[in-house]
């Protein structure tokens, strides 16, 4: 916008929602130029040889008001210039509506609806934008809907195969299996989890998923060999009792017993090179040598 003539008349920019507040007032600009941001767009004001210019690249996210203020008399000429958008991707299609697949079905069974997901995106960066950047709502593609999960809700429990027993003998053997709630019409494939529905659709009690297995006496027992080495060479550690099955063969003795005990080799020696602080040699600080962290930093002074 350009105000080409008119003594003591100035361009004024206001936000429509805050019409009492001027965003830019030409009468208050002493340097001849100013800028401000309103409704998501930057406006630039310039005054050159009595002519005022107010320009913006947009896009606008809301309405604005542009007017004149002043008390002068005489003819006032105002000129509006709206430049045509360049036929380029960056100007014509920078912000655009894009479809991003279908929403989740509103029902697991019995017939539901899906909506086509339409979002506003920056075509250059791929960033999702606010709806206002893509223009008026009437320019938004029409929302489409489609039916989904039209099969009946009648469902039943379907059990998978039992896993191998975790032991060949003893008192701790168990095995597990997966159990799914599936619609009646679904073909029972090896990937049952793909078609499972909410367990509330399966009225009957759920089949067991864990059971005992191989709960028999083992043909042999574990014999203690002795304690293994300590896990550390100094300080506090642990050691494990070593066992040997009295009869050769895989799992002939069942699960291996686990026995762990604490072990200690005394305090670890600290390699002392030099003190790490000049305060270490102060006699007043020697009483702190009983603290490990202080002793590690002042090992020379504390050892003398």
Protein backbone atom coordinates (compact mmCIF):
# COMPACT_ATOMS: atom_id res chain seq x y z
CA UNK A 1 0.00 0.00 0.00
CA UNK A 2 1.24 3.52 -0.84
CA UNK A 3 -0.02 6.94 0.34
CA UNK A 4 1.22 9.28 -2.36
CA UNK A 5 0.14 12.71 -1.13
CA UNK A 6 -1.62 14.55 1.67
CA UNK A 7 -0.11 16.90 4.23
CA UNK A 8 -0.09 15.66 7.83
CA UNK A 9 -1.76 12.38 6.79
CA UNK A 10 -0.14 9.10 7.74
CA UNK A 11 -0.70 5.38 7.18
CA UNK A 12 -1.88 3.37 10.19
CA UNK A 13 -1.93 -0.44 10.60
CA UNK A 14 -4.18 -2.10 13.21
CA UNK A 15 -5.11 -5.66 14.07
CA UNK A 16 -8.84 -6.13 13.71
CA UNK A 17 -9.14 -7.88 17.08
CA UNK A 18 -7.27 -5.02 18.80
CA UNK A 19 -8.53 -2.00 16.85
CA UNK A 20 -7.64 0.41 19.67
CA UNK A 21 -3.94 -0.36 19.38
CA UNK A 22 -1.83 0.78 16.44
CA UNK A 23 0.72 -1.73 15.25
CA UNK A 24 2.36 0.82 12.97
CA UNK A 25 1.58 4.55 13.01
CA UNK A 26 3.41 6.62 10.42
CA UNK A 27 3.16 9.73 12.55
CA UNK A 28 5.20 8.06 15.27
CA UNK A 29 8.03 6.83 13.02
CA UNK A 30 10.86 9.35 13.19
CA UNK A 31 13.53 7.33 11.39
CA UNK A 32 11.56 6.88 8.18
CA UNK A 33 11.28 3.13 8.48
CA UNK A 34 9.82 0.58 10.86
CA UNK A 35 8.59 -3.03 10.92
CA UNK A 36 6.17 -5.13 12.96
CA UNK A 37 4.60 -8.58 12.92
CA UNK A 38 0.84 -9.07 12.99
CA UNK A 39 -1.42 -12.01 12.14
CA UNK A 40 1.59 -14.15 11.24
CA UNK A 41 3.03 -11.73 8.65
CA UNK A 42 5.80 -9.14 8.80
CA UNK A 43 4.90 -5.59 7.72
CA UNK A 44 7.52 -3.04 6.67
CA UNK A 45 6.87 0.71 6.71
CA UNK A 46 8.95 3.29 4.82
CA UNK A 47 8.62 7.03 4.30
CA UNK A 48 10.49 8.49 1.31
CA UNK A 49 10.19 12.13 0.19
CA UNK A 50 6.71 12.52 1.60
CA UNK A 51 5.50 9.19 0.29
CA UNK A 52 4.64 6.32 2.63
CA UNK A 53 4.95 2.64 1.79
CA UNK A 54 3.53 -0.33 3.72
CA UNK A 55 4.34 -3.79 2.38
CA UNK A 56 4.14 -7.46 3.43
CA UNK A 57 4.77 -10.80 1.80
CA UNK A 58 2.13 -12.68 3.85
CA UNK A 59 0.40 -15.03 4.24
CA UNK A 60 -2.03 -13.50 6.74
CA UNK A 61 -3.55 -15.68 9.45
CA UNK A 62 -6.31 -13.19 10.24
CA UNK A 63 -7.85 -9.83 9.34
CA UNK A 64 -6.06 -6.49 9.59
CA UNK A 65 -7.11 -2.85 9.24
CA UNK A 66 -5.18 -0.23 7.24
CA UNK A 67 -6.25 3.38 7.45
CA UNK A 68 -5.17 6.99 7.56
CA UNK A 69 -4.69 9.39 10.45
CA UNK A 70 -4.05 13.13 10.58
CA UNK A 71 -5.71 16.53 10.56
CA UNK A 72 -4.47 18.08 7.35
CA UNK A 73 -6.67 19.28 4.52
CA UNK A 74 -6.35 18.68 0.87
CA UNK A 75 -6.42 15.81 -1.59
CA UNK A 76 -5.19 12.42 -0.41
CA UNK A 77 -4.18 9.74 -2.90
CA UNK A 78 -3.84 6.11 -1.86
CA UNK A 79 -2.51 3.33 -4.08
CA UNK A 80 -2.80 -0.43 -3.51
CA UNK A 81 -0.45 -2.86 -5.23
CA UNK A 82 -1.00 -6.62 -5.09
CA UNK A 83 1.75 -8.46 -6.91
CA UNK A 84 0.84 -11.69 -8.67
CA UNK A 85 2.39 -14.75 -7.12
CA UNK A 86 5.25 -16.27 -9.02
CA UNK A 87 4.56 -19.57 -10.68
CA UNK A 88 7.09 -21.44 -8.57
CA UNK A 89 6.86 -24.24 -6.03
CA UNK A 90 8.14 -22.01 -3.22
CA UNK A 91 5.49 -19.33 -3.71
CA UNK A 92 2.49 -21.14 -5.16
CA UNK A 93 2.65 -24.38 -3.20
CA UNK A 94 4.69 -23.61 -0.12
CA UNK A 95 1.77 -24.45 2.14
CA UNK A 96 -0.62 -27.12 0.93
CA UNK A 97 -3.16 -29.66 2.10
CA UNK A 98 -1.87 -33.22 2.05
CA UNK A 99 -3.60 -36.54 2.67
CA UNK A 100 -1.91 -38.82 5.18
CA UNK A 101 -3.83 -42.09 4.96
CA UNK A 102 -6.91 -43.19 6.85
CA UNK A 103 -7.69 -42.81 10.54
CA UNK A 104 -8.15 -45.76 12.86
CA UNK A 105 -11.50 -47.50 12.47
CA UNK A 106 -14.07 -46.25 14.98
CA UNK A 107 -15.04 -49.84 15.88
CA UNK A 108 -13.13 -53.12 16.15
CA UNK A 109 -16.04 -55.02 14.59
CA UNK A 110 -19.71 -54.66 13.71
CA UNK A 111 -19.09 -51.90 11.16
CA UNK A 112 -17.22 -48.65 11.78
CA UNK A 113 -15.98 -45.59 9.90
CA UNK A 114 -12.60 -44.25 8.86
CA UNK A 115 -11.83 -40.65 7.90
CA UNK A 116 -9.29 -39.51 5.36
CA UNK A 117 -6.57 -37.68 7.31
CA UNK A 118 -5.90 -34.23 5.76
CA UNK A 119 -3.25 -31.95 7.24
CA UNK A 120 -1.58 -28.66 6.33
CA UNK A 121 2.14 -29.02 5.53
CA UNK A 122 5.07 -26.96 4.34
CA UNK A 123 5.92 -28.61 1.03
CA UNK A 124 9.56 -27.50 1.25
CA UNK A 125 10.42 -28.68 4.76
CA UNK A 126 7.71 -31.32 5.30
CA UNK A 127 6.80 -29.64 8.59
CA UNK A 128 3.20 -29.79 9.73
CA UNK A 129 1.68 -26.29 9.93
CA UNK A 130 -1.39 -24.65 11.43
CA UNK A 131 -4.53 -24.85 9.29
CA UNK A 132 -4.53 -21.11 8.67
CA UNK A 133 -1.35 -21.34 6.57
CA UNK A 134 -3.16 -23.36 3.90
CA UNK A 135 -5.87 -20.75 3.37
CA UNK A 136 -9.60 -20.69 3.92
CA UNK A 137 -11.44 -23.81 5.00
CA UNK A 138 -13.33 -23.88 1.72
CA UNK A 139 -10.03 -24.60 -0.06
CA UNK A 140 -9.47 -27.70 2.05
CA UNK A 141 -10.12 -30.99 0.22
CA UNK A 142 -13.41 -32.61 1.08
CA UNK A 143 -13.20 -35.03 3.99
CA UNK A 144 -13.91 -38.56 2.84
CA UNK A 145 -15.22 -41.45 4.89
CA UNK A 146 -15.33 -45.17 4.31
CA UNK A 147 -16.71 -48.20 6.08
CA UNK A 148 -14.38 -50.59 7.89
CA UNK A 149 -14.44 -53.74 10.05
CA UNK A 150 -17.82 -54.76 8.68
CA UNK A 151 -17.54 -58.32 10.04
CA UNK A 152 -19.70 -59.50 12.94
CA UNK A 153 -18.42 -59.11 16.49
CA UNK A 154 -18.83 -62.82 17.29
CA UNK A 155 -15.35 -63.86 18.48
CA UNK A 156 -13.68 -66.79 20.17
CA UNK A 157 -10.40 -67.67 21.90
CA UNK A 158 -7.71 -69.16 19.70
CA UNK A 159 -4.64 -70.69 21.33
CA UNK A 160 -1.17 -70.91 19.88
CA UNK A 161 1.24 -73.80 20.20
CA UNK A 162 2.83 -74.59 23.55
CA UNK A 163 6.46 -73.52 23.88
CA UNK A 164 9.09 -76.08 24.85
CA UNK A 165 9.33 -76.87 28.55
CA UNK A 166 12.02 -74.86 30.27
CA UNK A 167 13.30 -77.95 32.12
CA UNK A 168 13.55 -81.70 31.48
CA UNK A 169 13.03 -82.71 35.13
CA UNK A 170 12.75 -81.35 38.63
CA UNK A 171 10.10 -79.20 40.33
CA UNK A 172 10.28 -75.99 38.33
CA UNK A 173 9.33 -76.97 34.76
CA UNK A 174 6.74 -74.73 33.03
CA UNK A 175 5.69 -73.95 29.46
CA UNK A 176 3.66 -71.10 27.99
CA UNK A 177 1.54 -70.30 24.94
CA UNK A 178 -0.17 -67.26 23.40
CA UNK A 179 -3.96 -66.94 23.47
CA UNK A 180 -5.81 -64.48 21.22
CA UNK A 181 -9.38 -63.24 20.90
CA UNK A 182 -10.22 -63.45 17.18
CA UNK A 183 -13.35 -62.83 15.09
CA UNK A 184 -15.11 -66.01 13.98
CA UNK A 185 -14.67 -65.32 10.27
CA UNK A 186 -10.87 -64.87 10.40
CA UNK A 187 -8.75 -67.60 8.88
CA UNK A 188 -6.52 -69.07 11.55
CA UNK A 189 -3.01 -68.36 10.26
CA UNK A 190 0.39 -68.49 11.89
CA UNK A 191 0.21 -64.73 12.62
CA UNK A 192 -2.83 -64.66 14.86
CA UNK A 193 -1.87 -61.39 16.53
CA UNK A 194 -2.59 -59.41 13.35
CA UNK A 195 -6.35 -59.94 13.63
CA UNK A 196 -6.91 -59.93 17.39
CA UNK A 197 -9.74 -57.78 18.85
CA UNK A 198 -10.56 -56.56 22.35
CA UNK A 199 -10.86 -59.47 24.81
CA UNK A 200 -14.30 -58.15 25.79
CA UNK A 201 -15.72 -59.71 22.60
CA UNK A 202 -14.79 -63.23 23.79
CA UNK A 203 -17.47 -64.28 26.29
CA UNK A 204 -16.06 -67.67 27.30
CA UNK A 205 -13.31 -68.04 29.95
CA UNK A 206 -9.83 -67.52 28.59
CA UNK A 207 -7.80 -70.74 28.14
CA UNK A 208 -4.77 -71.16 30.37
CA UNK A 209 -1.47 -69.77 29.10
CA UNK A 210 0.93 -71.40 31.62
CA UNK A 211 1.13 -75.01 32.73
CA UNK A 212 3.52 -77.32 34.53
CA UNK A 213 5.68 -79.70 32.56
CA UNK A 214 8.38 -82.34 33.11
CA UNK A 215 7.73 -82.41 36.87
CA UNK A 216 9.56 -85.71 37.38
CA UNK A 217 12.55 -86.75 39.47
CA UNK A 218 15.81 -86.07 37.78
CA UNK A 219 17.95 -89.18 37.12
CA UNK A 220 20.92 -87.54 38.81
CA UNK A 221 21.74 -84.76 41.26
CA UNK A 222 24.13 -81.84 41.31
CA UNK A 223 27.30 -82.32 43.27
CA UNK A 224 29.11 -79.34 44.83
CA UNK A 225 32.69 -78.82 43.64
CA UNK A 226 33.53 -75.74 45.67
CA UNK A 227 33.42 -71.99 45.52
CA UNK A 228 34.57 -70.25 42.37
CA UNK A 229 37.00 -67.31 42.37
CA UNK A 230 35.98 -63.94 43.82
CA UNK A 231 34.66 -61.47 41.29
CA UNK A 232 37.20 -58.82 42.39
CA UNK A 233 40.87 -58.79 43.35
CA UNK A 234 40.35 -56.17 46.07
CA UNK A 235 37.43 -54.66 47.91
CA UNK A 236 33.98 -56.30 48.17
CA UNK A 237 32.81 -58.86 45.60
CA UNK A 238 30.94 -62.14 45.29
CA UNK A 239 31.64 -65.78 44.50
CA UNK A 240 29.49 -68.59 43.10
CA UNK A 241 29.33 -72.23 44.17
CA UNK A 242 30.36 -74.55 41.34
CA UNK A 243 28.32 -77.72 40.67
CA UNK A 244 28.76 -80.81 38.56
CA UNK A 245 26.07 -83.18 37.33
CA UNK A 246 26.84 -86.73 38.51
CA UNK A 247 25.45 -88.29 35.31
CA UNK A 248 26.53 -87.14 31.81
CA UNK A 249 23.75 -85.94 29.55
CA UNK A 250 21.80 -82.83 28.71
CA UNK A 251 19.66 -81.64 31.64
CA UNK A 252 20.02 -84.98 33.41
CA UNK A 253 20.18 -83.15 36.73
CA UNK A 254 17.55 -80.51 36.02
CA UNK A 255 18.05 -76.78 36.73
CA UNK A 256 21.47 -75.91 38.11
CA UNK A 257 21.38 -74.70 41.75
CA UNK A 258 22.48 -71.11 42.35
CA UNK A 259 24.48 -70.25 45.46
CA UNK A 260 26.17 -66.85 45.86
CA UNK A 261 28.26 -65.58 48.77
CA UNK A 262 30.12 -62.37 49.52
CA UNK A 263 33.90 -62.22 49.40
CA UNK A 264 36.49 -59.58 50.26
CA UNK A 265 40.22 -59.01 49.71
CA UNK A 266 40.61 -55.87 51.78
CA UNK A 267 40.85 -52.28 50.61
CA UNK A 268 42.11 -51.63 47.12
CA UNK A 269 45.49 -49.92 46.93
CA UNK A 270 45.44 -46.47 45.36
CA UNK A 271 48.25 -45.57 42.98
CA UNK A 272 49.57 -42.28 44.29
CA UNK A 273 51.33 -40.05 41.81
CA UNK A 274 50.96 -36.50 43.06
CA UNK A 275 48.51 -34.36 44.99
CA UNK A 276 45.81 -32.79 42.86
CA UNK A 277 45.42 -29.60 44.91
CA UNK A 278 47.87 -27.12 46.54
CA UNK A 279 45.79 -27.13 49.73
CA UNK A 280 46.81 -30.74 50.41
CA UNK A 281 50.01 -29.64 52.19
CA UNK A 282 48.19 -27.40 54.67
CA UNK A 283 48.43 -28.84 58.16
CA UNK A 284 44.88 -27.75 58.90
CA UNK A 285 43.61 -30.00 56.14
CA UNK A 286 45.29 -33.21 57.34
CA UNK A 287 42.30 -34.18 59.45
CA UNK A 288 40.33 -34.76 56.24
CA UNK A 289 42.64 -37.61 55.22
CA UNK A 290 40.23 -40.02 56.84
CA UNK A 291 37.76 -39.25 54.03
CA UNK A 292 38.34 -41.44 51.00
CA UNK A 293 37.62 -38.80 48.37
CA UNK A 294 39.99 -36.33 50.05
CA UNK A 295 42.61 -39.03 50.51
CA UNK A 296 42.46 -39.91 46.81
CA UNK A 297 43.13 -36.29 45.85
CA UNK A 298 45.84 -35.71 48.43
CA UNK A 299 47.43 -39.16 48.58
CA UNK A 300 51.03 -37.87 48.94
CA UNK A 301 50.23 -35.54 51.83
CA UNK A 302 48.05 -38.10 53.57
CA UNK A 303 50.70 -40.84 53.33
CA UNK A 304 53.50 -38.66 54.80
